[in-house]
Amino acid sequence: MTSHLLVPMDDSGPARAALEYALERFPDDEFTVVHAVDDLEAGYAGEPSAAATEDRRPDVFEDARAIAEERDRRIETRVLEGQAAEAILEHVAEADVDGIVMGSEGKSGVSRMLLGSVAEQVARRSPVPVTIVPTRS
């Protein structure tokens, strides 16, 4: 049975590692790679359409497509608007997603307390299983 997995993507090494892991580990599954654009990042002149927002961040999706093509795989992409964890969780609630695979930098101590962890927020509140891929050394 084919599953539909969500892979959040940004410009980080952990996000790339998570996509590589997901494509290798789940060869028969379908993937949607998402990128969350915070309201402040989206702009002050109203809410842009997803297509307009995607045009402003093609590098994230170009990287994801290149990673998928290296493995002869196809991915869907989607821009989410809002704070990353909230946007991911909202998308999961609205879409037919069976699981999430995401990267984590493994912050601890004060930096984790001050910055929080998107992976931790998603894992704690997700209605579907979450696989967190740590940064590869």
C-alpha atoms as a PDB file:
ATOM      1  CA  MET A   1       0.000   0.000   0.000  1.00  0.00           C
ATOM      2  CA  THR A   2       1.356   3.398  -1.016  1.00  0.00           C
ATOM      3  CA  SER A   3       1.543   6.063   1.656  1.00  0.00           C
ATOM      4  CA  HIS A   4       1.578   9.821   1.211  1.00  0.00           C
ATOM      5  CA  LEU A   5       4.422  11.427   3.157  1.00  0.00           C
ATOM      6  CA  LEU A   6       5.000  15.093   3.856  1.00  0.00           C
ATOM      7  CA  VAL A   7       8.562  16.426   3.941  1.00  0.00           C
ATOM      8  CA  PRO A   8       9.006  20.002   5.205  1.00  0.00           C
ATOM      9  CA  MET A   9      11.879  21.732   3.398  1.00  0.00           C
ATOM     10  CA  ASP A  10      13.953  24.841   3.954  1.00  0.00           C
ATOM     11  CA  ASP A  11      17.517  25.809   3.059  1.00  0.00           C
ATOM     12  CA  SER A  12      19.033  23.623   5.775  1.00  0.00           C
ATOM     13  CA  GLY A  13      21.173  20.520   5.703  1.00  0.00           C
ATOM     14  CA  PRO A  14      18.810  18.668   8.051  1.00  0.00           C
ATOM     15  CA  ALA A  15      15.887  19.247   5.668  1.00  0.00           C
ATOM     16  CA  ARG A  16      17.897  17.882   2.741  1.00  0.00           C
ATOM     17  CA  ALA A  17      18.981  14.900   4.841  1.00  0.00           C
ATOM     18  CA  ALA A  18      15.347  14.200   5.739  1.00  0.00           C
ATOM     19  CA  LEU A  19      14.285  14.221   2.081  1.00  0.00           C
ATOM     20  CA  GLU A  20      17.192  11.957   1.099  1.00  0.00           C
ATOM     21  CA  TYR A  21      16.319   9.593   3.945  1.00  0.00           C
ATOM     22  CA  ALA A  22      12.630   9.545   3.026  1.00  0.00           C
ATOM     23  CA  LEU A  23      13.259   8.855  -0.652  1.00  0.00           C
ATOM     24  CA  GLU A  24      15.669   6.027   0.162  1.00  0.00           C
ATOM     25  CA  ARG A  25      13.700   4.510   3.033  1.00  0.00           C
ATOM     26  CA  PHE A  26      10.242   4.694   1.446  1.00  0.00           C
ATOM     27  CA  PRO A  27      10.788   3.902  -2.253  1.00  0.00           C
ATOM     28  CA  ASP A  28       7.130   3.185  -3.061  1.00  0.00           C
ATOM     29  CA  ASP A  29       5.535   6.150  -1.325  1.00  0.00           C
ATOM     30  CA  GLU A  30       4.295   9.474  -2.674  1.00  0.00           C
ATOM     31  CA  PHE A  31       5.883  12.683  -1.401  1.00  0.00           C
ATOM     32  CA  THR A  32       4.791  16.259  -0.999  1.00  0.00           C
ATOM     33  CA  VAL A  33       7.602  18.629  -0.139  1.00  0.00           C
ATOM     34  CA  VAL A  34       6.354  21.739   1.640  1.00  0.00           C
ATOM     35  CA  HIS A  35       7.969  25.051   2.461  1.00  0.00           C
ATOM     36  CA  ALA A  36       6.398  27.321   5.056  1.00  0.00           C
ATOM     37  CA  VAL A  37       6.546  31.072   4.449  1.00  0.00           C
ATOM     38  CA  ASP A  38       5.940  33.124   7.575  1.00  0.00           C
ATOM     39  CA  ASP A  39       3.429  35.966   7.292  1.00  0.00           C
ATOM     40  CA  LEU A  40       6.221  38.534   7.738  1.00  0.00           C
ATOM     41  CA  GLU A  41       8.275  36.862   5.029  1.00  0.00           C
ATOM     42  CA  ALA A  42       5.251  36.728   2.714  1.00  0.00           C
ATOM     43  CA  GLY A  43       5.020  40.511   2.643  1.00  0.00           C
ATOM     44  CA  TYR A  44       2.948  43.375   3.913  1.00  0.00           C
ATOM     45  CA  ALA A  45       0.719  43.953   0.879  1.00  0.00           C
ATOM     46  CA  GLY A  46      -1.788  41.219   1.578  1.00  0.00           C
ATOM     47  CA  GLU A  47      -1.557  37.477   1.214  1.00  0.00           C
ATOM     48  CA  PRO A  48       0.082  36.288  -1.997  1.00  0.00           C
ATOM     49  CA  SER A  49      -1.182  33.214  -3.778  1.00  0.00           C
ATOM     50  CA  ALA A  50       0.722  29.972  -3.256  1.00  0.00           C
ATOM     51  CA  ALA A  51       1.983  30.146  -6.840  1.00  0.00           C
ATOM     52  CA  ALA A  52       3.345  33.651  -6.333  1.00  0.00           C
ATOM     53  CA  THR A  53       5.016  32.616  -3.084  1.00  0.00           C
ATOM     54  CA  GLU A  54       6.482  29.501  -4.698  1.00  0.00           C
ATOM     55  CA  ASP A  55       8.009  31.667  -7.429  1.00  0.00           C
ATOM     56  CA  ARG A  56       9.865  33.632  -4.737  1.00  0.00           C
ATOM     57  CA  ARG A  57      11.412  30.469  -3.202  1.00  0.00           C
ATOM     58  CA  PRO A  58      12.233  28.267  -6.206  1.00  0.00           C
ATOM     59  CA  ASP A  59      15.681  27.383  -4.834  1.00  0.00           C
ATOM     60  CA  VAL A  60      14.166  25.288  -2.040  1.00  0.00           C
ATOM     61  CA  PHE A  61      12.032  23.318  -4.468  1.00  0.00           C
ATOM     62  CA  GLU A  62      14.769  23.156  -7.103  1.00  0.00           C
ATOM     63  CA  ASP A  63      17.029  21.511  -4.516  1.00  0.00           C
ATOM     64  CA  ALA A  64      14.259  19.095  -3.538  1.00  0.00           C
ATOM     65  CA  ARG A  65      13.541  18.187  -7.160  1.00  0.00           C
ATOM     66  CA  ALA A  66      17.257  17.629  -7.818  1.00  0.00           C
ATOM     67  CA  ILE A  67      17.499  15.305  -4.815  1.00  0.00           C
ATOM     68  CA  ALA A  68      14.442  13.385  -6.048  1.00  0.00           C
ATOM     69  CA  GLU A  69      15.686  13.219  -9.663  1.00  0.00           C
ATOM     70  CA  GLU A  70      19.014  11.761  -8.483  1.00  0.00           C
ATOM     71  CA  ARG A  71      16.953   8.848  -7.175  1.00  0.00           C
ATOM     72  CA  ASP A  72      14.657   8.706 -10.220  1.00  0.00           C
ATOM     73  CA  ARG A  73      11.731   9.869  -8.095  1.00  0.00           C
ATOM     74  CA  ARG A  74       9.010  12.469  -8.516  1.00  0.00           C
ATOM     75  CA  ILE A  75       7.756  14.835  -5.811  1.00  0.00           C
ATOM     76  CA  GLU A  76       4.930  17.319  -5.477  1.00  0.00           C
ATOM     77  CA  THR A  77       5.665  20.724  -3.953  1.00  0.00           C
ATOM     78  CA  ARG A  78       3.522  23.145  -2.035  1.00  0.00           C
ATOM     79  CA  VAL A  79       4.049  26.456  -0.253  1.00  0.00           C
ATOM     80  CA  LEU A  80       2.364  26.828   3.129  1.00  0.00           C
ATOM     81  CA  GLU A  81       1.710  30.219   4.662  1.00  0.00           C
ATOM     82  CA  GLY A  82       2.273  30.886   8.352  1.00  0.00           C
ATOM     83  CA  GLN A  83       4.599  29.871  11.152  1.00  0.00           C
ATOM     84  CA  ALA A  84       6.287  26.584  10.139  1.00  0.00           C
ATOM     85  CA  ALA A  85       4.957  24.166  12.772  1.00  0.00           C
ATOM     86  CA  GLU A  86       1.427  25.597  12.645  1.00  0.00           C
ATOM     87  CA  ALA A  87       1.358  25.588   8.844  1.00  0.00           C
ATOM     88  CA  ILE A  88       2.604  21.990   8.671  1.00  0.00           C
ATOM     89  CA  LEU A  89       0.066  20.774  11.218  1.00  0.00           C
ATOM     90  CA  GLU A  90      -2.765  22.643   9.489  1.00  0.00           C
ATOM     91  CA  HIS A  91      -1.820  21.090   6.148  1.00  0.00           C
ATOM     92  CA  VAL A  92      -1.723  17.617   7.685  1.00  0.00           C
ATOM     93  CA  ALA A  93      -5.210  18.144   9.121  1.00  0.00           C
ATOM     94  CA  GLU A  94      -6.562  19.193   5.711  1.00  0.00           C
ATOM     95  CA  ALA A  95      -4.685  16.821   3.409  1.00  0.00           C
ATOM     96  CA  ASP A  96      -4.510  13.063   3.058  1.00  0.00           C
ATOM     97  CA  VAL A  97      -1.106  12.646   4.717  1.00  0.00           C
ATOM     98  CA  ASP A  98      -0.002   9.356   6.284  1.00  0.00           C
ATOM     99  CA  GLY A  99       3.225  10.565   7.875  1.00  0.00           C
ATOM    100  CA  ILE A 100       5.837  13.294   8.126  1.00  0.00           C
ATOM    101  CA  VAL A 101       9.590  12.994   7.646  1.00  0.00           C
ATOM    102  CA  MET A 102      11.561  16.027   8.773  1.00  0.00           C
ATOM    103  CA  GLY A 103      15.047  17.045   9.764  1.00  0.00           C
ATOM    104  CA  SER A 104      16.288  18.423  13.038  1.00  0.00           C
ATOM    105  CA  GLU A 105      19.481  20.195  14.003  1.00  0.00           C
ATOM    106  CA  GLY A 106      19.344  18.677  17.467  1.00  0.00           C
ATOM    107  CA  LYS A 107      19.509  21.942  19.378  1.00  0.00           C
ATOM    108  CA  SER A 108      19.574  21.630  23.126  1.00  0.00           C
ATOM    109  CA  GLY A 109      19.783  23.768  26.206  1.00  0.00           C
ATOM    110  CA  VAL A 110      19.250  27.507  25.971  1.00  0.00           C
ATOM    111  CA  SER A 111      19.124  27.681  22.155  1.00  0.00           C
ATOM    112  CA  ARG A 112      16.314  25.109  22.096  1.00  0.00           C
ATOM    113  CA  MET A 113      14.463  26.891  24.889  1.00  0.00           C
ATOM    114  CA  LEU A 114      14.738  30.291  23.181  1.00  0.00           C
ATOM    115  CA  LEU A 115      14.228  29.233  19.570  1.00  0.00           C
ATOM    116  CA  GLY A 116      12.030  26.202  20.035  1.00  0.00           C
ATOM    117  CA  SER A 117      12.125  23.311  17.629  1.00  0.00           C
ATOM    118  CA  VAL A 118       9.747  23.028  14.701  1.00  0.00           C
ATOM    119  CA  ALA A 119      10.388  19.271  14.627  1.00  0.00           C
ATOM    120  CA  GLU A 120       9.541  18.960  18.310  1.00  0.00           C
ATOM    121  CA  GLN A 121       6.365  21.036  17.987  1.00  0.00           C
ATOM    122  CA  VAL A 122       5.202  18.987  15.010  1.00  0.00           C
ATOM    123  CA  ALA A 123       6.076  15.658  16.645  1.00  0.00           C
ATOM    124  CA  ARG A 124       4.217  16.510  19.854  1.00  0.00           C
ATOM    125  CA  ARG A 125       1.037  17.647  18.124  1.00  0.00           C
ATOM    126  CA  SER A 126       0.848  15.651  14.891  1.00  0.00           C
ATOM    127  CA  PRO A 127      -2.090  13.299  14.325  1.00  0.00           C
ATOM    128  CA  VAL A 128       0.145  11.157  12.056  1.00  0.00           C
ATOM    129  CA  PRO A 129       3.521   9.496  12.732  1.00  0.00           C
ATOM    130  CA  VAL A 130       6.564  11.767  12.509  1.00  0.00           C
ATOM    131  CA  THR A 131      10.063  10.547  11.646  1.00  0.00           C
ATOM    132  CA  ILE A 132      12.757  12.994  12.713  1.00  0.00           C
ATOM    133  CA  VAL A 133      16.064  12.631  10.893  1.00  0.00           C
ATOM    134  CA  PRO A 134      19.013  14.058  12.841  1.00  0.00           C
ATOM    135  CA  THR A 135      21.784  16.011  11.151  1.00  0.00           C
ATOM    136  CA  ARG A 136      24.300  13.703   9.516  1.00  0.00           C
ATOM    137  CA  SER A 137      27.877  14.185  10.596  1.00  0.00           C
END
